[in-house]
């Protein structure tokens, strides 16, 4: 891989900097991948010393440099800022935008984003829904889908694509339409191919309990979800549904399906985090570049204590490298 993997440091008052450096310490000896961290140099140097990692952090932009740190924002950041500080929120947004721009220019093979805090960013004055939505806006596309994936200690995978993301439950039925469900099915099937899986069988959840019970518990399965599944099948995708979510995840977990399309955030992420809470990965499907992130938040309660588990960030880095090395992303 000739291009570097970019890493956005996220909210520096959370565990993002810690899990980033710990993950790099784990990954750096394994291959020749180069990394570019969009983050604060002084903070990273202090943390690198505190954790005793001895990572080769550099300001230089060179093919010989394994970890370059680009510090274009957050010059006033320092260790010990209050959790959710506005300065950290402004820096996180600047780094996210800079890394996305570098991906769009073709300078990076992929970008990995450490966690941010939505409330802190909104409180800092931004109209912000999430990193996924912002990256889609920066890339000029609305055809993106969030996929979360991970495996248990026996190698059993769950891959979950979401038809909607950060939507209040009260608004869900109005936000789910045939196009959004179809897009999630299509991109979930493509994700299976990008991962070079031998099959791309997609199970599609219903919205209502028991997938609506033939219209007795809701009609979205009949009017919206089933037509999307039928359209996907007509296009050559191996899709099945709508199925009752409580049963579908069991069948997917035992290997009957390669990916699941969930109708909303917690319908899909509850089962996924039960299976792989510590090393799940968030992958944004449909962007013109690769973006992954750890599937956890800023964890303010343990930030600065040196005890954060980097497993999810390690998994996010490895997926980014895997995708960047694949034929579909060269």
Protein backbone atom coordinates (compact mmCIF):
# COMPACT_ATOMS: atom_id res chain seq x y z
CA UNK A 1 0.00 0.00 0.00
CA UNK A 2 1.65 3.22 -1.15
CA UNK A 3 -0.81 5.77 0.25
CA UNK A 4 -1.12 6.36 3.97
CA UNK A 5 -4.08 5.64 6.21
CA UNK A 6 -5.43 8.85 7.75
CA UNK A 7 -6.60 8.94 11.37
CA UNK A 8 -8.73 11.74 12.84
CA UNK A 9 -7.97 12.11 16.52
CA UNK A 10 -11.58 12.94 17.45
CA UNK A 11 -12.49 14.51 20.78
CA UNK A 12 -9.18 14.90 22.59
CA UNK A 13 -10.92 15.05 25.98
CA UNK A 14 -12.14 11.48 25.44
CA UNK A 15 -10.27 8.23 24.84
CA UNK A 16 -9.66 8.80 21.11
CA UNK A 17 -5.99 9.84 21.45
CA UNK A 18 -5.24 6.97 23.81
CA UNK A 19 -6.82 4.21 21.71
CA UNK A 20 -5.25 5.68 18.56
CA UNK A 21 -1.71 5.50 19.93
CA UNK A 22 -2.24 2.09 21.53
CA UNK A 23 -3.67 0.72 18.27
CA UNK A 24 -0.74 2.10 16.28
CA UNK A 25 1.70 0.51 18.72
CA UNK A 26 -0.03 -2.80 18.01
CA UNK A 27 -0.20 -2.40 14.22
CA UNK A 28 3.06 -0.67 13.33
CA UNK A 29 5.30 -3.79 13.58
CA UNK A 30 2.95 -5.91 11.45
CA UNK A 31 3.43 -4.28 8.03
CA UNK A 32 4.83 -1.21 6.27
CA UNK A 33 1.65 0.87 6.33
CA UNK A 34 2.16 4.59 6.80
CA UNK A 35 -0.24 6.66 8.90
CA UNK A 36 -1.18 10.33 8.99
CA UNK A 37 -2.76 11.52 12.23
CA UNK A 38 -4.87 14.66 12.03
CA UNK A 39 -4.44 15.82 15.61
CA UNK A 40 -2.51 17.86 18.14
CA UNK A 41 1.25 17.23 18.21
CA UNK A 42 1.90 18.41 21.75
CA UNK A 43 -0.90 16.33 23.20
CA UNK A 44 0.18 13.24 21.26
CA UNK A 45 3.80 13.58 22.29
CA UNK A 46 2.83 13.91 25.95
CA UNK A 47 0.52 10.90 25.76
CA UNK A 48 3.09 8.85 23.83
CA UNK A 49 5.56 9.44 26.66
CA UNK A 50 2.99 8.88 29.39
CA UNK A 51 1.96 5.51 27.94
CA UNK A 52 5.58 4.50 27.29
CA UNK A 53 4.84 3.56 23.67
CA UNK A 54 7.87 5.21 22.01
CA UNK A 55 6.02 5.65 18.73
CA UNK A 56 7.96 7.51 16.00
CA UNK A 57 5.73 10.58 15.70
CA UNK A 58 6.97 13.05 13.09
CA UNK A 59 6.06 16.38 11.58
CA UNK A 60 7.64 15.46 8.26
CA UNK A 61 5.63 14.35 5.22
CA UNK A 62 7.80 11.65 3.70
CA UNK A 63 7.48 8.11 2.41
CA UNK A 64 10.05 7.13 5.02
CA UNK A 65 7.93 8.46 7.90
CA UNK A 66 5.67 5.83 9.47
CA UNK A 67 3.50 8.21 11.53
CA UNK A 68 3.06 11.79 10.36
CA UNK A 69 1.11 14.18 12.57
CA UNK A 70 -0.66 17.07 10.84
CA UNK A 71 -1.55 19.73 13.38
CA UNK A 72 -3.61 22.24 11.41
CA UNK A 73 -6.10 22.94 14.20
CA UNK A 74 -6.35 22.95 17.94
CA UNK A 75 -3.06 24.71 18.61
CA UNK A 76 -4.30 25.65 22.11
CA UNK A 77 -5.27 22.12 23.09
CA UNK A 78 -3.57 20.69 26.13
CA UNK A 79 -3.97 17.60 28.28
CA UNK A 80 -6.51 18.04 31.04
CA UNK A 81 -9.16 20.11 29.24
CA UNK A 82 -12.67 19.62 30.67
CA UNK A 83 -14.63 16.78 29.09
CA UNK A 84 -16.49 17.98 26.02
CA UNK A 85 -14.57 21.28 25.89
CA UNK A 86 -15.53 23.55 23.00
CA UNK A 87 -11.91 23.90 21.85
CA UNK A 88 -11.69 20.12 21.49
CA UNK A 89 -14.96 20.06 19.57
CA UNK A 90 -13.74 22.74 17.13
CA UNK A 91 -10.49 20.83 16.60
CA UNK A 92 -12.28 17.53 16.02
CA UNK A 93 -14.43 19.10 13.30
CA UNK A 94 -11.41 20.72 11.64
CA UNK A 95 -9.47 17.45 11.58
CA UNK A 96 -12.45 15.54 10.21
CA UNK A 97 -12.89 17.99 7.35
CA UNK A 98 -9.16 18.07 6.56
CA UNK A 99 -8.90 14.27 6.42
CA UNK A 100 -11.98 14.02 4.22
CA UNK A 101 -10.53 16.61 1.85
CA UNK A 102 -7.29 14.62 1.66
CA UNK A 103 -9.25 11.48 0.82
CA UNK A 104 -11.22 13.30 -1.87
CA UNK A 105 -7.94 14.55 -3.37
CA UNK A 106 -6.70 10.97 -3.51
CA UNK A 107 -3.88 11.57 -1.04
CA UNK A 108 -4.97 8.90 1.46
CA UNK A 109 -5.91 5.27 1.01
CA UNK A 110 -8.58 5.51 3.73
CA UNK A 111 -9.53 7.44 6.83
CA UNK A 112 -10.26 6.14 10.33
CA UNK A 113 -12.10 8.41 12.74
CA UNK A 114 -11.71 8.31 16.51
CA UNK A 115 -14.90 9.05 18.49
CA UNK A 116 -16.43 12.47 18.93
CA UNK A 117 -19.23 13.67 21.17
CA UNK A 118 -22.28 14.94 19.29
CA UNK A 119 -23.57 16.97 22.21
CA UNK A 120 -20.24 18.76 22.65
CA UNK A 121 -20.04 19.60 18.94
CA UNK A 122 -23.62 20.92 18.87
CA UNK A 123 -22.92 22.96 22.01
CA UNK A 124 -19.87 24.43 20.23
CA UNK A 125 -22.19 25.88 17.60
CA UNK A 126 -22.33 23.28 14.82
CA UNK A 127 -25.41 21.89 13.10
CA UNK A 128 -24.15 18.34 13.56
CA UNK A 129 -25.93 14.98 13.40
CA UNK A 130 -22.92 12.68 13.20
CA UNK A 131 -19.61 12.00 11.48
CA UNK A 132 -21.28 9.73 8.92
CA UNK A 133 -23.70 12.44 7.87
CA UNK A 134 -21.01 15.14 7.75
CA UNK A 135 -18.72 13.00 5.59
CA UNK A 136 -21.58 12.31 3.20
CA UNK A 137 -22.21 16.06 2.94
CA UNK A 138 -18.51 16.80 2.32
CA UNK A 139 -18.41 14.09 -0.36
CA UNK A 140 -21.53 15.49 -2.02
CA UNK A 141 -23.59 12.33 -1.73
CA UNK A 142 -26.72 11.22 0.08
CA UNK A 143 -26.34 7.58 -0.88
CA UNK A 144 -24.50 6.40 2.20
CA UNK A 145 -25.30 3.69 4.70
CA UNK A 146 -23.78 2.90 8.08
CA UNK A 147 -22.61 -0.69 8.50
CA UNK A 148 -21.43 -2.09 11.82
CA UNK A 149 -19.55 -5.36 11.84
CA UNK A 150 -17.61 -7.64 14.12
CA UNK A 151 -17.18 -11.22 15.26
CA UNK A 152 -17.23 -13.21 18.48
CA UNK A 153 -14.41 -15.29 19.93
CA UNK A 154 -15.39 -18.21 17.69
CA UNK A 155 -15.17 -16.19 14.48
CA UNK A 156 -18.94 -15.83 13.98
CA UNK A 157 -19.66 -12.53 12.24
CA UNK A 158 -22.52 -10.07 12.28
CA UNK A 159 -22.60 -7.38 9.60
CA UNK A 160 -25.44 -4.92 10.05
CA UNK A 161 -26.40 -2.13 7.64
CA UNK A 162 -28.85 0.51 8.88
CA UNK A 163 -31.72 1.84 6.76
CA UNK A 164 -31.82 4.86 9.10
CA UNK A 165 -29.21 6.14 11.53
CA UNK A 166 -29.77 8.77 14.22
CA UNK A 167 -33.55 9.15 14.11
CA UNK A 168 -35.86 9.55 17.12
CA UNK A 169 -38.10 6.51 17.54
CA UNK A 170 -41.20 8.70 17.24
CA UNK A 171 -40.17 9.65 13.67
CA UNK A 172 -39.00 6.25 12.41
CA UNK A 173 -42.04 5.10 10.44
CA UNK A 174 -42.11 8.38 8.52
CA UNK A 175 -38.37 8.26 7.73
CA UNK A 176 -38.29 4.74 6.30
CA UNK A 177 -39.09 4.61 2.60
CA UNK A 178 -38.54 2.14 -0.20
CA UNK A 179 -35.50 3.96 -1.57
CA UNK A 180 -33.66 4.00 1.79
CA UNK A 181 -34.33 0.31 2.39
CA UNK A 182 -33.27 -0.58 -1.15
CA UNK A 183 -30.07 1.45 -0.82
CA UNK A 184 -29.18 -0.34 2.43
CA UNK A 185 -29.75 -3.72 0.77
CA UNK A 186 -27.69 -2.81 -2.30
CA UNK A 187 -24.76 -1.42 -0.30
CA UNK A 188 -24.85 -4.32 2.16
CA UNK A 189 -24.55 -6.76 -0.75
CA UNK A 190 -21.72 -4.69 -2.25
CA UNK A 191 -19.96 -4.66 1.13
CA UNK A 192 -19.99 -8.46 1.15
CA UNK A 193 -18.35 -8.45 -2.28
CA UNK A 194 -15.80 -5.82 -1.21
CA UNK A 195 -14.90 -8.09 1.68
CA UNK A 196 -14.42 -10.92 -0.83
CA UNK A 197 -16.97 -13.13 0.91
CA UNK A 198 -17.99 -16.23 -1.07
CA UNK A 199 -21.64 -15.18 -0.82
CA UNK A 200 -23.66 -12.00 -0.36
CA UNK A 201 -26.98 -13.09 1.16
CA UNK A 202 -28.81 -10.24 2.86
CA UNK A 203 -31.55 -10.67 5.46
CA UNK A 204 -33.89 -7.70 5.85
CA UNK A 205 -35.61 -6.87 9.13
CA UNK A 206 -39.18 -5.75 9.46
CA UNK A 207 -39.89 -2.54 11.34
CA UNK A 208 -42.70 -3.80 13.54
CA UNK A 209 -42.85 -6.73 15.97
CA UNK A 210 -43.23 -10.05 14.13
CA UNK A 211 -42.61 -8.14 10.87
CA UNK A 212 -46.06 -6.62 11.15
CA UNK A 213 -48.09 -9.85 11.46
CA UNK A 214 -49.52 -9.48 7.97
CA UNK A 215 -50.50 -5.87 8.59
CA UNK A 216 -52.08 -6.41 12.02
CA UNK A 217 -49.14 -4.76 13.85
CA UNK A 218 -48.20 -2.23 11.19
CA UNK A 219 -48.18 -1.96 7.42
CA UNK A 220 -44.65 -0.73 6.66
CA UNK A 221 -43.55 -4.29 5.85
CA UNK A 222 -46.24 -4.54 3.17
CA UNK A 223 -46.09 -1.03 1.73
CA UNK A 224 -42.37 -0.25 1.96
CA UNK A 225 -39.99 -3.00 2.99
CA UNK A 226 -41.26 -5.95 0.94
CA UNK A 227 -41.31 -3.90 -2.31
CA UNK A 228 -37.69 -2.85 -1.66
CA UNK A 229 -36.66 -6.47 -1.14
CA UNK A 230 -38.47 -7.49 -4.31
CA UNK A 231 -36.75 -4.70 -6.25
CA UNK A 232 -33.37 -5.78 -4.93
CA UNK A 233 -34.02 -9.38 -5.93
CA UNK A 234 -35.10 -8.26 -9.40
CA UNK A 235 -31.70 -6.56 -9.65
CA UNK A 236 -29.86 -9.78 -8.93
CA UNK A 237 -29.30 -9.43 -5.19
CA UNK A 238 -29.84 -12.43 -2.92
CA UNK A 239 -32.11 -10.70 -0.37
CA UNK A 240 -34.75 -12.18 1.94
CA UNK A 241 -37.39 -10.38 3.98
CA UNK A 242 -38.92 -8.63 5.69
CA UNK A 243 -38.28 -11.02 8.58
CA UNK A 244 -38.94 -10.61 12.26
CA UNK A 245 -35.77 -9.04 13.68
CA UNK A 246 -35.75 -11.15 16.84
CA UNK A 247 -35.40 -14.32 14.74
CA UNK A 248 -33.34 -12.90 11.86
CA UNK A 249 -30.35 -12.03 14.03
CA UNK A 250 -30.23 -15.58 15.34
CA UNK A 251 -30.15 -16.95 11.78
CA UNK A 252 -27.53 -14.42 10.72
CA UNK A 253 -25.38 -15.23 13.75
CA UNK A 254 -25.37 -18.92 12.88
CA UNK A 255 -24.32 -18.10 9.30
CA UNK A 256 -27.50 -18.25 7.24
CA UNK A 257 -27.03 -14.63 6.14
CA UNK A 258 -23.89 -12.64 5.37
CA UNK A 259 -25.38 -9.26 6.25
CA UNK A 260 -28.51 -7.91 7.89
CA UNK A 261 -30.36 -4.72 7.02
CA UNK A 262 -31.89 -3.24 10.18
CA UNK A 263 -34.53 -0.54 10.01
CA UNK A 264 -33.14 1.58 12.83
CA UNK A 265 -30.11 2.16 15.02
CA UNK A 266 -30.83 0.15 18.15
CA UNK A 267 -32.58 -2.67 16.29
CA UNK A 268 -29.26 -3.44 14.63
CA UNK A 269 -26.70 -2.34 17.17
CA UNK A 270 -28.15 -4.12 20.19
CA UNK A 271 -27.45 -7.60 18.77
CA UNK A 272 -24.14 -6.50 17.26
CA UNK A 273 -22.75 -5.11 20.50
CA UNK A 274 -23.85 -8.21 22.36
CA UNK A 275 -21.61 -10.20 20.01
CA UNK A 276 -18.60 -7.89 19.68
CA UNK A 277 -18.85 -4.94 22.03
CA UNK A 278 -15.10 -4.40 22.40
CA UNK A 279 -14.04 -4.75 18.77
CA UNK A 280 -16.95 -3.79 16.54
CA UNK A 281 -16.25 -1.49 13.60
CA UNK A 282 -18.33 1.23 11.95
CA UNK A 283 -17.89 1.30 8.15
CA UNK A 284 -19.54 4.02 6.06
CA UNK A 285 -20.79 2.46 2.83
CA UNK A 286 -21.32 4.54 -0.30
CA UNK A 287 -18.65 7.19 0.18
CA UNK A 288 -16.14 7.76 -2.63
CA UNK A 289 -13.41 6.84 -0.14
CA UNK A 290 -12.96 4.33 2.68
CA UNK A 291 -13.98 5.41 6.17
CA UNK A 292 -14.04 3.24 9.26
CA UNK A 293 -14.21 3.99 12.96
CA UNK A 294 -14.29 2.18 16.29
CA UNK A 295 -17.79 1.33 17.47
CA UNK A 296 -17.65 3.17 20.78
CA UNK A 297 -17.90 6.69 22.11
CA UNK A 298 -15.61 9.11 23.89
CA UNK A 299 -15.84 7.25 27.23
CA UNK A 300 -15.24 10.39 29.29
CA UNK A 301 -15.47 8.34 32.49
CA UNK A 302 -12.14 6.60 31.80
CA UNK A 303 -10.41 9.25 29.68
CA UNK A 304 -6.93 10.10 30.90
CA UNK A 305 -6.62 7.00 33.08
CA UNK A 306 -4.61 4.92 30.61
CA UNK A 307 -7.01 1.97 30.80
CA UNK A 308 -8.91 2.33 27.50
CA UNK A 309 -9.15 -0.84 25.41
CA UNK A 310 -7.90 -0.19 21.83
CA UNK A 311 -9.43 -3.38 20.33
CA UNK A 312 -12.13 -1.56 18.36
CA UNK A 313 -9.63 0.97 16.96
CA UNK A 314 -7.30 -1.89 16.01
CA UNK A 315 -10.19 -3.56 14.18
CA UNK A 316 -11.06 -0.28 12.43
CA UNK A 317 -7.46 0.15 11.25
CA UNK A 318 -7.29 -3.43 10.02
CA UNK A 319 -10.55 -3.17 8.09
CA UNK A 320 -9.39 0.10 6.50
CA UNK A 321 -6.14 -1.57 5.41
CA UNK A 322 -7.99 -4.64 4.13
CA UNK A 323 -10.37 -2.55 2.04
CA UNK A 324 -7.60 -0.29 0.77
CA UNK A 325 -5.70 -3.33 -0.46
CA UNK A 326 -8.75 -4.72 -2.27
CA UNK A 327 -9.26 -4.43 -6.02
CA UNK A 328 -12.49 -2.45 -5.62
CA UNK A 329 -10.71 0.40 -3.83
CA UNK A 330 -7.49 0.86 -5.76
